[in-house]
């Protein structure tokens, strides 16, 4: 998705629904991949809503992004792709 260069002919439009809102994603990734990513984001937002039922959608999206980034960075550290930080 992000960070890959491809000409416009290689890009696909995929309509996804995240937390009840539809988005059109333009990407060179497969529709299946885009759907998997959007499903993951949707699930994280719904998880945040269960834990924090009074948060608005914007705050839920930010918390979901923080949690997804945290999971990603931990995975990179676990695989030795990122140096461990000292407290």
Foldseek 3Di string as FASTA:
>chain_A
DPPDDDDQVLWDWEWEAAPRDIDIDIGNDDNVVVRVVRVLLNVQLVVVCVVVVPDDSVVSSVVSVVVVVVVVVVVCVVVVNDPDDDD
